[in-house]
Amino acid sequence: MEEKELNEKVTEEKAEELVEVPAPTEDAVLEEKAPAPEAPAPKKKKLKKWQIALICVAAFIVLVGIGVGIFLIVGAINARPRDSKNVNFNNSAPDFEVSYTEAELDVIALGMKEDATEAEVKAAIALIYNKANYNKINNVDSCVAVLRGEGTASVKVFGIKASGTMIVRGIKAQSGDEFYYQKAAPIMQCSSKTIQPTLEDMLNQQERVYTNGTTDFRATGTLKGQEAKILTEEDEIETETIPFVKVEIPDTINSYEKEEFMVRGYYVQDPREITNFNITADAIVLEDLQEGEKYIELVEMDDGAKYYLCRFSLDVTNETCVETARRYLRDSASSDNLEYGYYKVKLEVWDNGYLKQMHDDEEWHGTLKKGPVTCDTSSTSWYETIIYYDYDAKILTEADAAEYKGDDEGATWVKRLVAHYKKEVDSIG
């Protein structure tokens, strides 16, 4: 049979994309030239319904693959490298009275003993955390938390493996009952320029929140991908002193009743809380320490200030502990199956019971989805919250002071900072 006739036959059967025609061998050519006995033409076989469906599915997958491939290539051409600088400042102890009761100090002392039981250590750590969390929500009139973190995410899309670095930069400012929160989390670099735009579209995030604590509860929600509007010019990646990524003002911001605001904000107790993991004694895990380390120790600084340093992990299978944090993780990444692999904590609390810093190392894994694209992913990262009670003395430059000056000359710098960002929130349609 001539090659042209063969191709016409395949076309009639509507399956040319599934048929691979090998080049004819020499024996086949000789056999074709030899006379053959006449035989009735074979009957055309009709494709079964499942075969037709299989062909349609295969064709759809091919078209989707081509479309996504073009999208990735175009995105790679437009992708720009990003960089970020870190700004480091030492925070200092607030001049507050000791907030621990005598009974609470006894629990801490018991947990710090060399022969302390596991239960005693866990009880002491849980007490130190929850006292700091309670104080931050209820007993701090003015402070700023600087948020920062970095991580690496590994993905596999259409057989292509890639890894990207992501940073988190933000602030949480509270002045009385007023609270302002801003966070940006962009993909900075990727081992595959082809995958980077897709990774950015899946993981880039921006959030903005303002509340007066009583009647005004506004939030953008988690803006993802291109909605995040993260500025990418090198000279616009962050401010001079505050280590957070600059973003454009979102187009909209939503107002909520308090109950819905709490749910949509993924809060356990209050927007001013330290973390949305619910840290109780039964959620604490005591893992092996490095030589010279302790689960709880009292550290003295050069200036004489002291703080408790606690080292522990969280039980990521404890539903009460991880429920809210995991829901935030999944929703912010548009995934229904991301899980924490581990969550390790170094908690620093001033000896008067007020938070100094919380640092965690975490791992999560699962699948990410964006349109027709699904990829396996895993991520390891660190994240920390550093508290400044004397914000103006430690961070503000003259340029910042001018920007956050505001109308109230007698106001604290934190109050001016909150007022500055509230104006931006008010300007959002």
Protein backbone atom coordinates (compact mmCIF):
# COMPACT_ATOMS: atom_id res chain seq x y z
CA MET A 1 0.00 0.00 0.00
CA GLU A 2 1.40 3.45 -0.96
CA GLU A 3 2.21 5.87 1.91
CA LYS A 4 -0.36 8.42 0.61
CA GLU A 5 -3.13 5.81 0.75
CA LEU A 6 -2.08 4.81 4.26
CA ASN A 7 -2.25 8.42 5.44
CA GLU A 8 -5.70 8.87 3.86
CA LYS A 9 -6.93 5.74 5.61
CA VAL A 10 -5.70 6.99 9.01
CA THR A 11 -7.35 10.35 8.38
CA GLU A 12 -10.64 8.60 7.70
CA GLU A 13 -10.28 6.76 11.02
CA LYS A 14 -9.64 10.16 12.81
CA ALA A 15 -6.64 8.93 14.77
CA GLU A 16 -3.65 10.22 12.84
CA GLU A 17 -2.14 11.74 16.04
CA LEU A 18 -1.95 8.30 17.67
CA VAL A 19 -0.41 6.42 14.71
CA GLU A 20 3.33 6.29 14.17
CA VAL A 21 4.28 5.16 10.66
CA PRO A 22 7.73 3.52 10.51
CA ALA A 23 9.95 3.94 7.46
CA PRO A 24 9.54 0.92 5.09
CA THR A 25 12.29 -1.72 5.27
CA GLU A 26 14.02 -3.12 2.15
CA ASP A 27 12.19 -6.46 2.52
CA ALA A 28 8.87 -4.61 2.73
CA VAL A 29 9.64 -2.76 -0.52
CA LEU A 30 10.45 -6.01 -2.38
CA GLU A 31 7.33 -7.66 -0.99
CA GLU A 32 5.22 -4.71 -2.17
CA LYS A 33 6.54 -5.10 -5.74
CA ALA A 34 5.69 -8.82 -5.87
CA PRO A 35 2.30 -9.77 -7.34
CA ALA A 36 -0.32 -10.61 -4.75
CA PRO A 37 -3.51 -12.62 -5.09
CA GLU A 38 -6.66 -10.60 -5.30
CA ALA A 39 -8.57 -10.43 -2.04
CA PRO A 40 -11.69 -8.64 -0.95
CA ALA A 41 -11.04 -5.21 0.59
CA PRO A 42 -10.98 -5.40 4.39
CA LYS A 43 -13.89 -3.90 6.20
CA LYS A 44 -13.20 -0.60 8.00
CA LYS A 45 -13.24 -1.00 11.74
CA LYS A 46 -15.31 1.50 13.64
CA LEU A 47 -13.73 3.06 16.71
CA LYS A 48 -15.43 2.18 19.95
CA LYS A 49 -16.80 4.94 22.16
CA TRP A 50 -14.06 4.52 24.75
CA GLN A 51 -11.42 4.78 22.00
CA ILE A 52 -12.95 8.02 20.69
CA ALA A 53 -13.09 9.40 24.24
CA LEU A 54 -9.45 8.45 24.82
CA ILE A 55 -8.40 10.25 21.62
CA CYS A 56 -10.32 13.39 22.68
CA VAL A 57 -8.72 13.38 26.13
CA ALA A 58 -5.26 12.89 24.62
CA ALA A 59 -5.83 15.76 22.20
CA PHE A 60 -7.01 18.02 25.03
CA ILE A 61 -3.94 17.23 27.14
CA VAL A 62 -1.67 17.99 24.20
CA LEU A 63 -3.41 21.33 23.59
CA VAL A 64 -3.24 22.25 27.29
CA GLY A 65 0.43 21.30 27.37
CA ILE A 66 1.18 23.46 24.36
CA GLY A 67 -0.79 26.38 25.81
CA VAL A 68 0.90 26.16 29.21
CA GLY A 69 4.27 25.78 27.52
CA ILE A 70 3.72 28.99 25.55
CA PHE A 71 2.57 30.73 28.73
CA LEU A 72 5.71 29.62 30.56
CA ILE A 73 8.01 30.69 27.75
CA VAL A 74 6.41 34.12 27.44
CA GLY A 75 6.50 34.51 31.21
CA ALA A 76 10.17 33.59 31.32
CA ILE A 77 10.96 36.32 28.80
CA ASN A 78 9.14 38.90 30.95
CA ALA A 79 10.50 37.67 34.31
CA ARG A 80 12.85 40.03 36.10
CA PRO A 81 15.36 39.00 38.78
CA ARG A 82 14.67 40.36 42.25
CA ASP A 83 16.82 41.13 45.22
CA SER A 84 16.16 42.14 48.79
CA LYS A 85 18.21 43.64 51.57
CA ASN A 86 18.01 42.85 55.25
CA VAL A 87 18.09 45.53 57.91
CA ASN A 88 19.07 44.35 61.37
CA PHE A 89 18.39 46.22 64.60
CA ASN A 90 18.72 45.12 68.19
CA ASN A 91 15.52 45.42 70.15
CA SER A 92 15.57 46.22 73.85
CA ALA A 93 13.51 45.26 76.87
CA PRO A 94 10.45 47.39 77.61
CA ASP A 95 10.37 49.19 80.91
CA PHE A 96 7.40 47.24 82.23
CA GLU A 97 6.77 45.65 85.59
CA VAL A 98 7.22 41.89 85.87
CA SER A 99 3.91 40.34 84.87
CA TYR A 100 4.50 36.83 86.25
CA THR A 101 2.89 35.84 89.51
CA GLU A 102 4.90 34.01 92.16
CA ALA A 103 3.08 30.79 91.29
CA GLU A 104 3.95 31.21 87.60
CA LEU A 105 7.61 31.85 88.42
CA ASP A 106 7.59 28.61 90.42
CA VAL A 107 6.30 26.71 87.37
CA ILE A 108 9.08 28.22 85.22
CA ALA A 109 11.76 27.44 87.82
CA LEU A 110 10.53 23.84 88.06
CA GLY A 111 10.74 23.44 84.28
CA MET A 112 14.31 24.80 84.24
CA LYS A 113 15.68 22.30 86.79
CA GLU A 114 18.24 19.79 85.52
CA ASP A 115 16.05 16.88 86.62
CA ALA A 116 12.78 18.39 85.39
CA THR A 117 10.29 15.94 83.92
CA GLU A 118 9.07 16.29 80.34
CA ALA A 119 5.66 17.39 81.62
CA GLU A 120 7.25 20.10 83.82
CA VAL A 121 9.31 21.45 80.91
CA LYS A 122 6.28 21.56 78.62
CA ALA A 123 4.16 23.29 81.27
CA ALA A 124 6.84 25.97 81.74
CA ILE A 125 7.24 26.62 78.00
CA ALA A 126 3.47 26.83 77.47
CA LEU A 127 3.21 29.29 80.37
CA ILE A 128 6.01 31.52 79.03
CA TYR A 129 4.44 31.63 75.55
CA ASN A 130 0.88 32.24 76.69
CA LYS A 131 1.92 34.95 79.15
CA ALA A 132 3.78 36.77 76.34
CA ASN A 133 0.82 36.32 74.01
CA TYR A 134 -1.65 37.61 76.62
CA ASN A 135 0.56 40.63 77.34
CA LYS A 136 0.91 41.48 73.65
CA ILE A 137 -2.85 41.45 73.17
CA ASN A 138 -3.92 43.13 76.40
CA ASN A 139 -1.05 44.97 78.09
CA VAL A 140 0.96 46.62 75.29
CA ASP A 141 -0.19 50.08 74.33
CA SER A 142 2.38 50.68 71.61
CA CYS A 143 4.72 48.36 69.67
CA VAL A 144 5.74 47.29 66.20
CA ALA A 145 6.49 43.72 65.14
CA VAL A 146 8.83 43.38 62.19
CA LEU A 147 8.13 40.21 60.23
CA ARG A 148 10.67 38.54 58.02
CA GLY A 149 11.43 35.11 56.66
CA GLU A 150 12.97 33.19 53.82
CA GLY A 151 12.37 29.80 52.30
CA THR A 152 12.90 27.46 49.40
CA ALA A 153 10.07 25.76 47.53
CA SER A 154 10.63 22.80 45.22
CA VAL A 155 8.12 21.97 42.50
CA LYS A 156 7.67 19.52 39.66
CA VAL A 157 5.56 20.67 36.69
CA PHE A 158 5.23 18.61 33.47
CA GLY A 159 8.29 16.65 34.48
CA ILE A 160 10.36 19.81 35.00
CA LYS A 161 11.87 20.11 38.47
CA ALA A 162 12.67 23.54 39.86
CA SER A 163 13.26 25.31 43.14
CA GLY A 164 12.58 28.92 44.03
CA THR A 165 13.44 31.20 46.93
CA MET A 166 10.71 33.20 48.61
CA ILE A 167 10.91 35.97 51.19
CA VAL A 168 8.40 37.35 53.69
CA ARG A 169 8.55 40.99 54.80
CA GLY A 170 6.00 42.87 56.84
CA ILE A 171 4.98 44.80 59.92
CA LYS A 172 2.33 44.62 62.62
CA ALA A 173 1.81 47.93 64.37
CA GLN A 174 -0.48 48.40 67.36
CA SER A 175 -1.34 51.63 69.11
CA GLY A 176 -3.97 51.23 71.78
CA ASP A 177 -6.86 49.36 70.16
CA GLU A 178 -5.75 50.26 66.64
CA PHE A 179 -3.90 47.59 64.69
CA TYR A 180 -2.34 47.65 61.24
CA TYR A 181 -0.80 44.66 59.43
CA GLN A 182 0.96 44.48 56.10
CA LYS A 183 2.80 41.54 54.58
CA ALA A 184 4.28 40.80 51.17
CA ALA A 185 5.74 37.45 50.15
CA PRO A 186 7.25 37.30 46.64
CA ILE A 187 9.24 34.63 44.83
CA MET A 188 12.69 36.17 44.48
CA GLN A 189 14.63 33.70 42.34
CA CYS A 190 14.01 30.37 40.64
CA SER A 191 16.36 27.72 39.31
CA SER A 192 14.19 27.53 36.17
CA LYS A 193 13.27 30.78 34.43
CA THR A 194 10.61 28.76 32.63
CA ILE A 195 8.89 27.79 35.88
CA GLN A 196 9.42 31.08 37.75
CA PRO A 197 6.37 32.95 36.36
CA THR A 198 4.09 30.02 37.21
CA LEU A 199 5.56 29.77 40.69
CA GLU A 200 5.03 33.50 41.17
CA ASP A 201 1.44 33.20 39.97
CA MET A 202 0.82 30.44 42.49
CA LEU A 203 2.67 31.76 45.54
CA ASN A 204 3.20 35.55 45.44
CA GLN A 205 1.10 37.10 48.22
CA GLN A 206 0.13 40.43 49.69
CA GLU A 207 -2.06 41.16 52.71
CA ARG A 208 -3.26 44.34 54.40
CA VAL A 209 -5.41 44.70 57.52
CA TYR A 210 -6.68 47.58 59.64
CA THR A 211 -8.95 47.55 62.67
CA ASN A 212 -9.76 49.94 65.48
CA GLY A 213 -10.66 46.90 67.58
CA THR A 214 -14.34 47.76 68.01
CA THR A 215 -16.29 48.95 64.95
CA ASP A 216 -13.89 48.98 62.00
CA PHE A 217 -12.64 45.66 60.63
CA ARG A 218 -11.12 45.88 57.15
CA ALA A 219 -8.89 43.52 55.21
CA THR A 220 -7.84 42.84 51.63
CA GLY A 221 -7.64 39.12 52.21
CA THR A 222 -4.70 37.24 50.74
CA LEU A 223 -4.01 38.70 47.29
CA LYS A 224 -2.19 36.12 45.19
CA GLY A 225 -0.20 36.03 41.99
CA GLN A 226 -0.63 39.12 39.84
CA GLU A 227 -3.20 40.52 42.29
CA ALA A 228 -0.43 40.97 44.84
CA LYS A 229 0.99 43.90 42.79
CA ILE A 230 4.45 43.55 44.32
CA LEU A 231 6.83 46.19 43.02
CA THR A 232 9.82 44.67 41.28
CA GLU A 233 12.14 47.57 40.53
CA GLU A 234 15.35 47.14 42.49
CA ASP A 235 15.08 50.57 44.13
CA GLU A 236 11.48 49.91 45.17
CA ILE A 237 11.84 46.50 46.78
CA GLU A 238 11.72 47.92 50.33
CA THR A 239 12.03 51.06 52.41
CA GLU A 240 15.28 52.41 53.82
CA THR A 241 14.84 50.95 57.26
CA ILE A 242 11.75 48.77 57.57
CA PRO A 243 12.50 45.37 56.01
CA PHE A 244 9.33 44.80 54.07
CA VAL A 245 8.62 44.53 50.37
CA LYS A 246 6.82 47.51 48.89
CA VAL A 247 3.50 46.93 47.18
CA GLU A 248 0.96 48.98 45.30
CA ILE A 249 -2.20 49.97 47.13
CA PRO A 250 -4.84 47.29 46.39
CA ASP A 251 -7.91 48.20 44.38
CA THR A 252 -10.39 47.08 47.01
CA ILE A 253 -10.57 46.35 50.71
CA ASN A 254 -13.45 44.59 52.42
CA SER A 255 -15.27 45.50 55.63
CA TYR A 256 -16.41 42.69 57.95
CA GLU A 257 -18.22 42.06 61.18
CA LYS A 258 -15.79 41.02 63.90
CA GLU A 259 -16.69 37.32 63.80
CA GLU A 260 -16.13 37.03 60.06
CA PHE A 261 -13.01 39.21 60.30
CA MET A 262 -11.53 36.72 62.78
CA VAL A 263 -12.31 33.75 60.54
CA ARG A 264 -11.08 35.38 57.34
CA GLY A 265 -7.99 36.67 59.14
CA TYR A 266 -7.12 33.19 60.44
CA TYR A 267 -6.83 34.40 64.03
CA VAL A 268 -7.08 32.16 67.09
CA GLN A 269 -7.70 34.81 69.76
CA ASP A 270 -6.98 38.30 68.43
CA PRO A 271 -5.28 40.01 65.45
CA ARG A 272 -2.47 41.09 67.80
CA GLU A 273 -1.59 37.51 68.79
CA ILE A 274 1.96 36.24 68.27
CA THR A 275 1.08 33.30 66.03
CA ASN A 276 -2.03 31.46 64.88
CA PHE A 277 -0.72 28.14 66.17
CA ASN A 278 -2.55 27.28 69.39
CA ILE A 279 0.41 26.50 71.67
CA THR A 280 -0.53 24.41 74.69
CA ALA A 281 1.51 21.96 76.78
CA ASP A 282 0.09 18.91 75.00
CA ALA A 283 1.06 20.36 71.59
CA ILE A 284 4.72 20.85 72.57
CA VAL A 285 7.34 18.31 71.50
CA LEU A 286 10.79 18.17 73.13
CA GLU A 287 13.29 16.99 70.55
CA ASP A 288 16.98 16.20 71.00
CA LEU A 289 19.10 19.31 71.56
CA GLN A 290 22.57 20.23 70.37
CA GLU A 291 25.37 20.00 72.90
CA GLY A 292 25.19 22.86 75.40
CA GLU A 293 21.58 23.76 74.58
CA LYS A 294 18.67 23.63 77.02
CA TYR A 295 14.92 23.56 76.55
CA ILE A 296 14.59 26.65 78.77
CA GLU A 297 17.36 28.99 79.83
CA LEU A 298 17.64 32.51 81.18
CA VAL A 299 20.01 34.53 78.97
CA GLU A 300 21.67 37.71 80.18
CA MET A 301 22.62 40.37 77.61
CA ASP A 302 25.59 42.75 77.74
CA ASP A 303 23.39 45.54 79.07
CA GLY A 304 22.12 43.35 81.91
CA ALA A 305 18.69 42.67 80.40
CA LYS A 306 17.51 39.08 80.66
CA TYR A 307 15.16 36.91 78.63
CA TYR A 308 13.90 33.34 78.60
CA LEU A 309 14.99 31.30 75.59
CA CYS A 310 12.77 28.28 74.91
CA ARG A 311 13.53 25.58 72.32
CA PHE A 312 10.74 23.23 71.28
CA SER A 313 8.72 21.84 68.37
CA LEU A 314 4.99 21.64 67.79
CA ASP A 315 3.06 18.44 67.22
CA VAL A 316 1.83 19.08 63.67
CA THR A 317 -0.62 16.18 64.01
CA ASN A 318 -2.34 17.94 66.92
CA GLU A 319 -5.51 19.27 65.30
CA THR A 320 -6.22 21.90 67.96
CA CYS A 321 -2.71 23.27 67.57
CA VAL A 322 -2.45 23.47 63.76
CA GLU A 323 -6.05 23.84 62.57
CA THR A 324 -6.07 27.62 62.01
CA ALA A 325 -2.47 27.88 60.81
CA ARG A 326 -2.95 25.01 58.34
CA ARG A 327 -6.17 26.52 56.99
CA TYR A 328 -4.30 29.76 56.33
CA LEU A 329 -1.46 27.84 54.64
CA ARG A 330 -3.85 26.00 52.34
CA ASP A 331 -6.06 28.95 51.47
CA SER A 332 -3.16 31.30 50.78
CA ALA A 333 -1.69 28.77 48.35
CA SER A 334 -5.05 27.66 46.86
CA SER A 335 -4.42 24.07 47.87
CA ASP A 336 -6.62 21.62 49.74
CA ASN A 337 -3.94 19.21 50.94
CA LEU A 338 -0.85 21.08 52.14
CA GLU A 339 0.44 19.62 55.40
CA TYR A 340 3.14 20.67 57.84
CA GLY A 341 6.04 18.24 58.08
CA TYR A 342 7.58 19.95 61.12
CA TYR A 343 7.48 23.24 63.02
CA LYS A 344 10.43 24.06 65.28
CA VAL A 345 10.48 27.12 67.53
CA LYS A 346 12.97 29.33 69.33
CA LEU A 347 10.97 31.63 71.59
CA GLU A 348 12.53 34.61 73.37
CA VAL A 349 10.55 36.37 76.12
CA TRP A 350 11.87 39.15 78.35
CA ASP A 351 12.02 38.15 82.01
CA ASN A 352 9.12 40.53 82.71
CA GLY A 353 6.87 38.38 80.48
CA TYR A 354 6.81 40.44 77.25
CA LEU A 355 7.72 39.01 73.87
CA LYS A 356 11.19 39.69 72.51
CA GLN A 357 11.27 37.49 69.41
CA MET A 358 9.87 34.26 67.99
CA HIS A 359 11.75 32.32 65.32
CA ASP A 360 10.49 29.15 63.66
CA ASP A 361 11.76 26.65 61.12
CA GLU A 362 9.09 24.81 59.20
CA GLU A 363 8.43 22.36 56.38
CA TRP A 364 5.24 21.80 54.41
CA HIS A 365 4.36 19.70 51.39
CA GLY A 366 1.47 18.80 49.09
CA THR A 367 0.21 19.92 45.68
CA LEU A 368 -0.42 23.35 44.18
CA LYS A 369 -2.97 24.10 41.48
CA LYS A 370 -3.31 26.96 39.01
CA GLY A 371 -5.85 26.48 36.23
CA PRO A 372 -4.93 23.26 34.41
CA VAL A 373 -1.50 23.12 36.09
CA THR A 374 -0.99 20.87 39.12
CA CYS A 375 2.43 20.36 40.65
CA ASP A 376 3.91 18.50 43.59
CA THR A 377 5.63 20.85 46.00
CA SER A 378 7.52 21.01 49.27
CA SER A 379 8.99 23.94 51.12
CA THR A 380 11.40 24.59 53.96
CA SER A 381 11.58 28.05 55.47
CA TRP A 382 12.26 30.18 58.52
CA TYR A 383 10.09 32.97 59.81
CA GLU A 384 10.44 35.36 62.71
CA THR A 385 8.62 38.10 64.56
CA ILE A 386 10.79 40.74 66.29
CA ILE A 387 9.12 43.16 68.69
CA TYR A 388 10.13 46.81 69.11
CA TYR A 389 8.63 48.70 72.02
CA ASP A 390 10.85 51.76 71.38
CA TYR A 391 10.27 51.79 67.66
CA ASP A 392 11.31 55.36 66.96
CA ALA A 393 14.62 55.03 68.79
CA LYS A 394 15.63 51.88 66.95
CA ILE A 395 14.32 52.07 63.40
CA LEU A 396 13.05 55.44 62.19
CA THR A 397 15.32 57.65 60.08
CA GLU A 398 14.74 61.35 59.44
CA ALA A 399 13.05 60.45 56.15
CA ASP A 400 10.71 58.04 57.96
CA ALA A 401 10.01 60.62 60.64
CA ALA A 402 8.97 63.13 57.99
CA GLU A 403 6.74 60.60 56.21
CA TYR A 404 4.99 59.48 59.38
CA LYS A 405 4.84 62.92 60.98
CA GLY A 406 1.08 63.21 60.76
CA ASP A 407 -1.15 65.91 62.21
CA ASP A 408 -0.81 64.94 65.86
CA GLU A 409 2.57 66.29 66.96
CA GLY A 410 2.18 64.78 70.42
CA ALA A 411 1.40 61.28 69.19
CA THR A 412 3.83 58.39 69.53
CA TRP A 413 5.63 57.29 66.39
CA VAL A 414 3.66 54.06 66.33
CA LYS A 415 0.39 55.98 66.44
CA ARG A 416 1.62 58.15 63.55
CA LEU A 417 2.65 55.04 61.65
CA VAL A 418 -0.79 53.48 62.04
CA ALA A 419 -2.47 56.76 61.06
CA HIS A 420 -0.26 56.97 57.95
CA TYR A 421 -1.33 53.55 56.72
CA LYS A 422 -4.95 54.05 57.75
CA LYS A 423 -5.05 56.93 55.23
CA GLU A 424 -3.94 54.49 52.53
CA VAL A 425 -6.61 52.01 53.60
CA ASP A 426 -9.23 54.81 53.58
CA SER A 427 -8.22 55.71 50.02
CA ILE A 428 -9.01 52.22 48.70
CA GLY A 429 -12.30 52.17 46.83
